[in-house]
N, C-alpha and C. Protein backbone atom coordinates (compact mmCIF):
# COMPACT_ATOMS: atom_id res chain seq x y z
N UNK A 1 1.03 -1.13 0.08
CA UNK A 1 0.20 -0.19 -0.25
C UNK A 1 0.84 1.36 0.18
N UNK A 2 0.40 2.38 -1.04
CA UNK A 2 1.80 3.28 -1.11
C UNK A 2 0.77 4.26 -0.43
N UNK A 3 1.57 5.24 0.21
CA UNK A 3 1.12 6.39 1.07
C UNK A 3 1.61 7.81 0.46
N UNK A 4 2.16 7.35 -0.88
CA UNK A 4 2.98 8.51 -1.19
C UNK A 4 2.06 9.83 -1.57
N UNK A 5 0.60 9.76 -1.97
CA UNK A 5 -0.34 10.83 -2.26
C UNK A 5 -1.57 10.75 -1.70
N UNK A 6 -1.67 9.35 -1.11
CA UNK A 6 -2.76 9.15 -0.54
C UNK A 6 -4.21 8.40 -1.27
N UNK A 7 -4.00 8.57 -2.59
CA UNK A 7 -4.83 7.89 -3.54
C UNK A 7 -4.91 6.47 -3.22
N UNK A 8 -3.42 5.40 -2.81
CA UNK A 8 -4.12 4.58 -2.78
C UNK A 8 -4.61 4.02 -1.49
N UNK A 9 -4.78 4.87 -0.61
CA UNK A 9 -5.62 4.58 0.75
C UNK A 9 -6.88 4.56 0.09
N UNK A 10 -7.10 5.72 -0.50
CA UNK A 10 -8.89 6.38 -0.59
C UNK A 10 -9.25 5.39 -1.62
N UNK A 11 -8.29 4.52 -2.53
CA UNK A 11 -8.98 3.33 -3.66
C UNK A 11 -9.03 2.02 -2.35
N UNK A 12 -8.21 2.30 -1.61
CA UNK A 12 -8.65 0.46 -0.85
C UNK A 12 -10.10 1.10 -0.60
N UNK A 13 -10.43 2.45 0.30
CA UNK A 13 -11.64 2.47 1.47
C UNK A 13 -12.66 2.65 0.32
N UNK A 14 -12.43 2.81 -0.86
CA UNK A 14 -13.57 3.15 -1.68
C UNK A 14 -13.84 1.76 -1.99
N UNK A 15 -12.99 0.61 -2.16
CA UNK A 15 -13.08 -0.80 -2.52
C UNK A 15 -13.81 -1.47 -1.33
N UNK A 16 -13.31 -1.18 -0.45
CA UNK A 16 -14.03 -1.54 0.70
C UNK A 16 -15.47 -1.55 1.06
N UNK A 17 -15.32 0.04 0.70
CA UNK A 17 -17.11 0.43 0.84
C UNK A 17 -18.47 -0.09 -0.39
N UNK A 18 -17.78 -0.17 -1.49
CA UNK A 18 -18.04 -1.46 -2.43
C UNK A 18 -18.62 -2.65 -2.14
N UNK A 19 -17.56 -3.23 -1.68
CA UNK A 19 -17.71 -4.81 -1.46
C UNK A 19 -19.27 -4.94 -0.13
N UNK A 20 -18.70 -3.69 0.64
CA UNK A 20 -19.81 -3.84 1.72
C UNK A 20 -21.36 -3.67 1.34
N UNK A 21 -21.13 -2.58 0.29
CA UNK A 21 -22.52 -2.59 0.18
C UNK A 21 -23.72 -3.04 -0.78
N UNK A 22 -22.38 -3.96 -1.45
CA UNK A 22 -23.05 -5.13 -2.45
C UNK A 22 -23.33 -6.07 -1.58
N UNK A 23 -22.50 -6.94 -0.49
CA UNK A 23 -22.75 -7.54 0.39
C UNK A 23 -23.92 -7.34 1.69
N UNK A 24 -23.88 -6.55 2.05
CA UNK A 24 -24.96 -5.94 2.98
C UNK A 24 -26.26 -5.38 2.29
N UNK A 25 -25.98 -4.23 1.51
CA UNK A 25 -26.99 -3.75 0.77
C UNK A 25 -27.73 -4.22 -0.14
N UNK A 26 -27.74 -5.62 -0.19
CA UNK A 26 -28.73 -6.01 -1.31
C UNK A 26 -29.58 -6.70 -0.52
N UNK A 27 -30.43 -5.79 -0.09
CA UNK A 27 -31.44 -6.65 1.09
C UNK A 27 -32.91 -6.77 0.20
N UNK A 28 -32.87 -6.53 -1.40
CA UNK A 28 -34.34 -6.76 -2.11
C UNK A 28 -34.75 -8.05 -2.41
N UNK A 29 -35.53 -8.66 -3.33
CA UNK A 29 -35.52 -10.19 -3.54
C UNK A 29 -34.67 -10.54 -3.55
N UNK A 30 -34.69 -11.95 -3.21
CA UNK A 30 -33.46 -12.78 -3.55
C UNK A 30 -34.14 -13.84 -4.92
N UNK A 31 -33.51 -14.55 -5.38
CA UNK A 31 -33.48 -15.24 -6.47
C UNK A 31 -34.49 -16.51 -6.50
N UNK A 32 -35.13 -16.96 -6.44
CA UNK A 32 -36.15 -18.09 -6.06
C UNK A 32 -35.54 -19.39 -6.04
N UNK A 33 -35.86 -19.89 -4.83
CA UNK A 33 -34.72 -21.58 -4.88
C UNK A 33 -35.90 -22.67 -5.53
N UNK A 34 -35.06 -23.51 -6.14
CA UNK A 34 -35.92 -24.37 -7.14
C UNK A 34 -36.30 -25.41 -5.66
N UNK A 35 -37.05 -26.13 -5.93
CA UNK A 35 -37.54 -27.21 -5.57
C UNK A 35 -36.33 -28.55 -5.20
N UNK A 36 -36.33 -29.28 -4.21
CA UNK A 36 -35.32 -30.11 -4.22
C UNK A 36 -35.78 -31.33 -5.06
N UNK A 37 -34.68 -32.04 -5.58
CA UNK A 37 -34.86 -33.10 -6.74
C UNK A 37 -35.57 -34.34 -6.06
N UNK A 38 -36.37 -34.66 -6.26
CA UNK A 38 -36.95 -35.82 -5.42
C UNK A 38 -36.14 -37.54 -5.88
N UNK A 39 -36.23 -38.17 -5.42
CA UNK A 39 -35.49 -39.34 -5.55
C UNK A 39 -36.29 -40.47 -5.96
N UNK A 40 -36.10 -41.35 -6.40
CA UNK A 40 -36.87 -42.24 -6.87
C UNK A 40 -37.72 -41.86 -8.27
N UNK A 41 -39.06 -42.38 -8.02
CA UNK A 41 -39.83 -42.20 -9.51
C UNK A 41 -40.61 -40.51 -9.02
N UNK A 42 -40.92 -40.06 -10.08
CA UNK A 42 -41.27 -38.55 -10.24
C UNK A 42 -42.22 -39.19 -11.29
N UNK A 43 -43.57 -38.03 -10.70
CA UNK A 43 -44.78 -38.04 -11.14
C UNK A 43 -44.70 -37.19 -12.34
N UNK A 44 -45.59 -37.12 -13.30
CA UNK A 44 -45.80 -37.05 -14.88
C UNK A 44 -47.13 -36.49 -14.78
N UNK A 45 -47.38 -35.07 -15.11
CA UNK A 45 -48.58 -34.36 -15.53
C UNK A 45 -49.02 -33.18 -14.23
N UNK A 46 -50.01 -32.96 -14.04
CA UNK A 46 -50.16 -31.76 -13.26
C UNK A 46 -50.45 -32.04 -11.50
N UNK A 47 -49.68 -31.40 -10.95
CA UNK A 47 -49.31 -31.64 -9.66
C UNK A 47 -51.27 -31.09 -9.23
N UNK A 48 -51.81 -31.68 -8.22
CA UNK A 48 -53.13 -31.32 -8.05
C UNK A 48 -53.13 -30.34 -6.43
N UNK A 49 -54.03 -29.42 -6.73
CA UNK A 49 -53.44 -28.56 -5.54
C UNK A 49 -53.53 -28.51 -4.27
N UNK A 50 -52.99 -28.20 -3.37
CA UNK A 50 -53.41 -29.03 -1.90
C UNK A 50 -54.71 -28.30 -1.57
N UNK A 51 -55.62 -29.30 -0.53
CA UNK A 51 -56.90 -29.41 -0.18
C UNK A 51 -56.79 -28.11 0.75
N UNK A 52 -57.99 -26.99 1.08
CA UNK A 52 -58.09 -26.26 1.86
C UNK A 52 -58.37 -26.84 3.38
N UNK A 53 -57.18 -26.56 3.78
CA UNK A 53 -57.11 -27.18 5.51
C UNK A 53 -58.64 -26.16 6.00
N UNK A 54 -58.75 -26.97 7.36
CA UNK A 54 -59.96 -26.40 8.25
C UNK A 54 -59.25 -25.88 9.47
N UNK A 55 -57.92 -25.94 9.20
CA UNK A 55 -57.19 -25.02 10.94
C UNK A 55 -57.07 -24.08 10.64
N UNK A 56 -57.00 -22.98 11.96
CA UNK A 56 -56.89 -21.87 11.73
C UNK A 56 -55.91 -21.53 10.77
N UNK A 57 -55.49 -20.13 10.39
CA UNK A 57 -54.55 -19.73 9.95
C UNK A 57 -53.52 -19.67 10.36
N UNK A 58 -53.46 -18.67 11.55
CA UNK A 58 -52.97 -18.38 12.90
C UNK A 58 -52.59 -19.26 13.87
N UNK A 59 -51.98 -20.54 14.36
CA UNK A 59 -52.73 -20.96 15.30
C UNK A 59 -52.50 -20.02 16.76
N UNK A 60 -53.30 -20.51 17.19
CA UNK A 60 -52.70 -20.36 19.17
C UNK A 60 -51.60 -20.62 19.39
N UNK A 61 -51.40 -19.29 20.44
CA UNK A 61 -49.74 -19.44 20.87
C UNK A 61 -49.86 -20.83 21.73
N UNK A 62 -48.44 -21.45 21.24
CA UNK A 62 -48.36 -22.66 21.85
C UNK A 62 -47.21 -22.96 23.27
N UNK A 63 -47.79 -23.75 24.09
CA UNK A 63 -46.40 -24.13 25.32
C UNK A 63 -45.36 -24.35 24.31
N UNK A 64 -44.21 -23.26 24.70
CA UNK A 64 -42.84 -23.23 24.31
C UNK A 64 -42.15 -23.43 26.13
N UNK A 65 -41.86 -24.91 26.18
CA UNK A 65 -41.42 -24.92 27.39
C UNK A 65 -39.68 -24.12 27.51
N UNK A 66 -39.40 -23.51 28.23
CA UNK A 66 -38.25 -22.49 28.45
C UNK A 66 -38.26 -21.59 29.59
N UNK A 67 -36.89 -21.18 29.50
CA UNK A 67 -36.76 -19.97 30.22
C UNK A 67 -37.34 -18.73 29.92
N UNK A 68 -37.53 -18.33 28.91
CA UNK A 68 -38.33 -16.92 28.09
C UNK A 68 -39.64 -17.39 28.58
N UNK A 69 -39.92 -18.75 28.00
CA UNK A 69 -41.55 -18.59 28.37
C UNK A 69 -41.93 -18.54 29.68
N UNK A 70 -40.69 -19.13 30.89
CA UNK A 70 -41.51 -18.68 31.90
C UNK A 70 -41.48 -17.58 32.58
N UNK A 71 -40.42 -16.76 32.15
CA UNK A 71 -40.19 -15.30 32.70
C UNK A 71 -41.51 -14.41 31.75
N UNK A 72 -42.13 -14.86 30.75
CA UNK A 72 -43.46 -14.46 30.17
C UNK A 72 -44.36 -14.61 31.25
N UNK A 73 -44.52 -15.85 31.37
CA UNK A 73 -45.69 -16.09 32.38
C UNK A 73 -45.69 -15.22 33.76
N UNK A 74 -44.27 -15.47 34.15
CA UNK A 74 -44.21 -14.69 35.66
C UNK A 74 -44.57 -13.32 35.64
N UNK A 75 -44.16 -12.42 34.21
CA UNK A 75 -44.79 -11.06 34.25
C UNK A 75 -46.07 -11.10 33.80
N UNK A 76 -46.87 -12.09 33.14
CA UNK A 76 -48.53 -11.85 33.17
C UNK A 76 -48.78 -11.92 34.50
N UNK A 77 -48.17 -12.87 35.43
CA UNK A 77 -48.92 -12.52 36.89
C UNK A 77 -48.38 -11.56 37.87
N UNK A 78 -47.21 -10.78 37.12
CA UNK A 78 -46.48 -9.82 38.40
C UNK A 78 -47.98 -9.13 38.96
N UNK A 79 -48.78 -8.44 37.82
CA UNK A 79 -49.57 -7.29 38.36
C UNK A 79 -50.75 -7.77 39.78
N UNK A 80 -51.14 -9.23 39.14
CA UNK A 80 -51.76 -9.89 40.55
C UNK A 80 -50.92 -10.10 41.72
N UNK A 81 -49.80 -10.19 41.41
CA UNK A 81 -49.31 -11.03 42.77
C UNK A 81 -48.75 -8.70 43.43
N UNK A 82 -48.31 -8.22 42.97
CA UNK A 82 -47.75 -6.91 43.74
C UNK A 82 -49.17 -5.93 44.45
N UNK A 83 -48.76 -5.68 45.45
CA UNK A 83 -49.75 -4.58 45.98
C UNK A 83 -50.19 -3.39 44.84
N UNK A 84 -51.47 -2.64 45.08
CA UNK A 84 -51.76 -1.62 43.98
C UNK A 84 -50.51 -0.30 44.60
N UNK A 85 -50.25 0.68 43.48
CA UNK A 85 -49.14 1.55 43.83
C UNK A 85 -50.04 2.55 44.15
N UNK A 86 -49.45 3.83 45.24
CA UNK A 86 -50.17 4.46 46.47
C UNK A 86 -49.99 5.77 45.59
N UNK A 87 -50.37 6.68 46.12
CA UNK A 87 -50.15 8.11 45.33
C UNK A 87 -49.40 8.54 46.84
N UNK A 88 -47.98 9.65 46.26
CA UNK A 88 -47.52 9.89 47.14
C UNK A 88 -48.69 10.38 48.63
N UNK A 89 -49.26 10.87 48.14
CA UNK A 89 -50.13 11.84 49.17
C UNK A 89 -50.99 10.90 50.10
N UNK A 90 -51.16 9.47 49.57
CA UNK A 90 -51.74 8.76 50.41
C UNK A 90 -50.77 7.41 51.23
N UNK A 91 -49.45 7.97 50.50
CA UNK A 91 -48.26 7.14 51.25
C UNK A 91 -48.36 8.00 52.80
N UNK A 92 -48.12 9.42 52.36
CA UNK A 92 -47.94 10.07 53.67
C UNK A 92 -49.04 10.19 54.49
N UNK A 93 -50.20 10.23 54.34
CA UNK A 93 -51.33 10.08 54.49
C UNK A 93 -51.38 8.94 55.61
N UNK A 94 -51.23 7.63 55.16
CA UNK A 94 -50.49 6.10 56.25
C UNK A 94 -49.55 6.37 57.17
N UNK A 95 -48.53 7.03 56.51
CA UNK A 95 -47.45 7.36 57.89
C UNK A 95 -47.87 8.14 58.92
N UNK A 96 -48.71 9.16 58.45
CA UNK A 96 -48.95 9.91 59.68
C UNK A 96 -49.73 9.14 60.41
N UNK A 97 -51.05 8.33 60.13
CA UNK A 97 -51.64 7.75 61.12
C UNK A 97 -50.71 6.70 61.77
N UNK A 98 -49.59 6.24 61.43
CA UNK A 98 -48.82 5.53 62.02
C UNK A 98 -48.30 5.89 63.02
N UNK A 99 -47.32 7.04 62.72
CA UNK A 99 -46.30 7.92 63.37
C UNK A 99 -47.38 8.39 64.95
N UNK A 100 -46.78 8.36 65.97
CA UNK A 100 -47.22 8.91 67.13
C UNK A 100 -47.12 10.13 67.03
N UNK A 101 -47.38 11.52 67.96
CA UNK A 101 -46.65 12.48 67.67
C UNK A 101 -45.73 12.74 69.13
N UNK A 102 -44.77 13.00 68.92
CA UNK A 102 -43.95 13.17 70.22
C UNK A 102 -42.77 14.50 70.65
N UNK A 103 -42.54 14.65 71.43
CA UNK A 103 -41.51 15.69 71.69
C UNK A 103 -40.39 15.15 72.51
N UNK A 104 -39.25 16.14 72.17
CA UNK A 104 -38.36 15.91 72.87
C UNK A 104 -37.71 16.32 73.99
N UNK A 105 -37.50 15.85 75.25
CA UNK A 105 -37.48 16.80 76.28
C UNK A 105 -36.03 16.49 77.12
N UNK A 106 -35.07 17.56 77.67
CA UNK A 106 -34.04 16.77 78.08
C UNK A 106 -34.32 17.07 79.64
N UNK A 107 -33.41 16.55 80.30
CA UNK A 107 -33.26 16.52 81.90
C UNK A 107 -32.18 15.53 82.20
N UNK A 108 -32.14 15.22 83.71
CA UNK A 108 -31.05 14.29 84.05
C UNK A 108 -31.57 13.45 84.96
N UNK A 109 -32.07 11.71 84.49
CA UNK A 109 -32.39 11.01 85.54
C UNK A 109 -31.41 9.95 85.29
N UNK A 110 -31.53 8.92 86.85
CA UNK A 110 -30.66 8.00 86.68
C UNK A 110 -31.36 7.04 86.57
N UNK A 111 -30.47 5.98 85.81
CA UNK A 111 -30.92 4.25 85.10
C UNK A 111 -30.84 3.92 86.37
N UNK A 112 -31.79 3.05 86.82
CA UNK A 112 -31.66 2.39 87.77
C UNK A 112 -31.22 0.72 87.15
N UNK A 113 -30.32 0.05 88.22
CA UNK A 113 -29.58 -1.46 87.95
C UNK A 113 -30.75 -2.49 87.79
N UNK A 114 -30.54 -3.08 86.45
CA UNK A 114 -31.60 -4.27 86.24
C UNK A 114 -31.58 -5.48 86.97
N UNK A 115 -31.96 -6.20 86.65
CA UNK A 115 -31.87 -8.01 87.64
C UNK A 115 -30.28 -8.40 87.18
N UNK A 116 -29.74 -8.19 85.73
CA UNK A 116 -28.37 -8.64 85.81
C UNK A 116 -27.49 -7.80 85.85
N UNK A 117 -27.73 -6.43 86.31
CA UNK A 117 -26.90 -5.39 86.92
C UNK A 117 -26.63 -4.60 85.60
N UNK A 118 -26.97 -4.44 84.60
CA UNK A 118 -26.96 -3.29 83.38
C UNK A 118 -27.56 -2.30 83.79
N UNK A 119 -27.82 -0.92 83.88
CA UNK A 119 -28.27 0.19 83.48
C UNK A 119 -29.64 -0.30 82.58
N UNK A 120 -30.67 -0.14 83.87
CA UNK A 120 -32.01 -0.52 82.65
C UNK A 120 -32.47 1.17 82.66
N UNK A 121 -32.25 1.95 81.67
CA UNK A 121 -32.43 3.25 80.83
C UNK A 121 -34.35 3.80 80.27
N UNK A 122 -34.52 2.49 79.91
CA UNK A 122 -36.16 2.60 80.00
C UNK A 122 -36.95 3.09 80.91
N UNK A 123 -36.26 2.62 82.16
CA UNK A 123 -37.26 3.60 83.15
C UNK A 123 -36.98 4.77 83.49
N UNK A 124 -35.61 4.96 83.07
CA UNK A 124 -35.60 6.47 83.49
C UNK A 124 -35.97 7.44 82.58
N UNK A 125 -35.83 7.05 81.31
CA UNK A 125 -36.52 7.69 80.00
C UNK A 125 -38.58 7.72 80.47
N UNK A 126 -38.89 7.06 80.91
CA UNK A 126 -40.18 7.18 81.60
C UNK A 126 -40.63 8.31 82.32
N UNK A 127 -39.58 8.09 83.60
CA UNK A 127 -39.24 9.04 84.56
C UNK A 127 -38.83 10.49 84.66
N UNK A 128 -38.14 10.57 83.07
CA UNK A 128 -37.84 11.87 82.39
C UNK A 128 -39.18 12.28 81.59
N UNK A 129 -39.88 11.45 81.17
CA UNK A 129 -41.18 12.10 80.53
C UNK A 129 -42.05 12.52 81.14
N UNK A 130 -42.30 11.44 82.12
CA UNK A 130 -43.56 11.59 82.91
C UNK A 130 -43.33 13.13 83.97
N UNK A 131 -42.06 13.33 84.41
CA UNK A 131 -42.18 14.73 85.04
C UNK A 131 -42.22 15.99 84.35
N UNK A 132 -42.26 15.63 82.65
CA UNK A 132 -43.01 16.55 82.21
C UNK A 132 -44.20 16.43 81.51
N UNK A 133 -44.73 15.74 82.34
CA UNK A 133 -46.32 15.60 81.92
C UNK A 133 -46.79 14.13 80.76
N UNK A 134 -45.78 13.66 80.24
CA UNK A 134 -46.02 12.72 78.97
C UNK A 134 -45.98 11.50 79.83
N UNK A 135 -46.70 10.23 79.16
CA UNK A 135 -46.54 9.27 79.72
C UNK A 135 -45.54 7.96 79.50
N UNK A 136 -45.11 8.22 78.57
CA UNK A 136 -44.02 7.46 78.33
C UNK A 136 -42.94 8.28 77.20
N UNK A 137 -41.69 7.71 77.78
CA UNK A 137 -40.73 7.86 76.70
C UNK A 137 -39.31 7.17 76.04
N UNK A 138 -38.20 7.40 75.27
CA UNK A 138 -37.50 6.28 74.55
C UNK A 138 -36.00 7.49 75.14
N UNK A 139 -35.44 6.86 75.46
CA UNK A 139 -33.91 7.54 75.48
C UNK A 139 -33.03 7.69 75.08
N UNK A 140 -32.74 9.13 74.21
CA UNK A 140 -32.35 9.43 73.06
C UNK A 140 -30.86 9.79 73.53
N UNK A 141 -30.51 9.96 74.49
CA UNK A 141 -28.71 10.45 75.22
C UNK A 141 -28.29 10.29 76.46
N UNK A 142 -27.71 9.34 76.59
CA UNK A 142 -27.63 8.91 77.82
C UNK A 142 -25.95 9.46 78.31
N UNK A 143 -25.59 9.66 79.54
CA UNK A 143 -24.07 10.05 79.78
C UNK A 143 -23.79 8.99 81.04
N UNK A 144 -22.34 8.84 81.46
CA UNK A 144 -22.01 7.94 82.79
C UNK A 144 -20.86 8.51 83.15
N UNK A 145 -21.39 8.42 84.63
CA UNK A 145 -20.49 8.95 85.45
C UNK A 145 -19.70 7.69 86.46
N UNK A 146 -18.36 8.19 86.86
CA UNK A 146 -18.01 7.61 88.13
C UNK A 146 -18.06 7.96 89.16
N UNK A 147 -19.05 7.64 90.58
CA UNK A 147 -19.41 8.00 91.46
C UNK A 147 -18.22 7.10 92.38
N UNK A 148 -17.56 7.81 93.11
CA UNK A 148 -16.63 7.07 94.03
C UNK A 148 -16.81 7.38 95.67
N UNK A 149 -16.71 6.40 97.02
CA UNK A 149 -16.76 6.96 98.37
C UNK A 149 -15.69 8.10 98.56
N UNK A 150 -15.83 8.50 99.87
CA UNK A 150 -15.28 9.32 100.44
C UNK A 150 -13.45 9.23 100.55
N UNK A 151 -13.44 7.87 100.90
CA UNK A 151 -12.28 6.54 101.51
C UNK A 151 -11.50 6.71 100.30
N UNK A 152 -11.57 7.11 98.78
CA UNK A 152 -10.58 7.13 97.64
C UNK A 152 -9.81 7.93 98.23
N UNK A 153 -10.10 9.47 98.65
CA UNK A 153 -9.40 10.71 98.79
C UNK A 153 -8.55 10.73 100.13
N UNK A 154 -8.42 9.62 100.53
CA UNK A 154 -7.74 9.52 101.70
C UNK A 154 -6.52 9.06 101.03
N UNK A 155 -5.22 9.80 101.33
CA UNK A 155 -3.77 9.80 100.72
C UNK A 155 -2.98 8.24 101.34
N UNK A 156 -2.47 7.57 100.18
CA UNK A 156 -2.02 6.19 100.65
C UNK A 156 -2.91 5.10 100.97
N UNK A 157 -3.85 5.44 100.59
CA UNK A 157 -4.77 4.23 100.66
C UNK A 157 -4.78 3.21 99.45
N UNK A 158 -4.75 2.06 99.87
CA UNK A 158 -5.41 1.44 98.30
C UNK A 158 -6.38 1.34 97.87
N UNK A 159 -7.01 1.68 96.43
CA UNK A 159 -8.30 1.73 96.22
C UNK A 159 -8.72 -0.31 95.43
N UNK A 160 -9.70 0.12 96.05
CA UNK A 160 -10.19 -1.49 96.24
C UNK A 160 -11.31 -1.64 95.12
N UNK A 161 -12.20 -2.64 94.04
CA UNK A 161 -12.61 -2.57 93.51
C UNK A 161 -14.23 -2.11 94.09
N UNK A 162 -14.42 -1.88 94.83
CA UNK A 162 -16.08 -1.74 95.23
C UNK A 162 -16.39 -0.57 95.80
N UNK A 163 -14.78 0.79 95.78
CA UNK A 163 -15.15 1.78 96.00
C UNK A 163 -15.35 3.00 95.37
N UNK A 164 -15.55 2.41 94.02
CA UNK A 164 -16.67 3.42 92.90
C UNK A 164 -17.30 2.53 92.31
N UNK A 165 -18.31 3.06 91.44
CA UNK A 165 -19.28 2.52 90.67
C UNK A 165 -19.44 3.59 89.62
N UNK A 166 -20.18 3.26 88.38
CA UNK A 166 -20.62 3.92 87.45
C UNK A 166 -22.01 4.09 87.66
N UNK A 167 -22.43 5.06 87.33
CA UNK A 167 -23.97 5.55 87.58
C UNK A 167 -23.87 5.98 85.61
N UNK A 168 -25.05 5.84 85.73
CA UNK A 168 -25.72 5.89 83.91
C UNK A 168 -27.01 6.62 84.33
N UNK A 169 -26.85 8.12 83.18
CA UNK A 169 -27.90 8.92 83.37
C UNK A 169 -29.12 9.27 82.24
N UNK A 170 -29.91 9.39 81.99
CA UNK A 170 -31.02 9.46 80.77
C UNK A 170 -30.56 11.06 80.87
N UNK A 171 -30.13 11.79 79.72
CA UNK A 171 -30.43 13.26 79.38
C UNK A 171 -31.05 13.84 78.57
N UNK A 172 -31.60 13.08 77.48
CA UNK A 172 -32.47 13.47 76.85
C UNK A 172 -33.40 12.75 76.47
N UNK A 173 -35.09 12.62 76.15
CA UNK A 173 -35.82 11.69 75.80
C UNK A 173 -36.20 12.03 74.47
N UNK A 174 -37.49 10.87 74.05
CA UNK A 174 -38.47 11.20 73.41
C UNK A 174 -39.92 10.87 73.93
N UNK A 175 -40.54 11.62 74.07
CA UNK A 175 -41.76 11.28 74.78
C UNK A 175 -42.92 11.62 73.73
N UNK A 176 -44.17 10.55 74.66
CA UNK A 176 -45.64 10.14 73.68
C UNK A 176 -46.59 10.44 74.80
N UNK A 177 -47.30 10.95 74.18
CA UNK A 177 -49.02 10.91 75.13
C UNK A 177 -49.36 9.18 75.50
């Protein structure tokens, strides 16, 4: 291929375009195919026209087993499986009926120890909400502090495990009527 003036490259491009146009562009009617030769004896004379059949011209959709057919059946059944789609205003109305009105309050109430020794802050949140005029609550924020006896302050005294304890407090809660 010569690149001297660029003309051979243009000729190659033109030739490639022409070949592809002939191969792909010939979408018109094709040559009729002849009937395959019959082996054995051949009948002489006119052939009888086929008898008109009583079957419908377009047969009903046949069951065709396979993945695509099964997926089609699934999509046909899909509207009956799914719940109807609600408008945004209906969805907001449903959510507002479910949600209880609530208010956030702050204070400081100690969490009592439960039977296993862990702090029970649900009771403390309820106490905090009841002190503000509500019936129940959920703790939003908690704080903990170490509380020690005065013995810890004595100089030279060894600290013992039962000298200090950790107290937990609810400082804010979400209260509901």
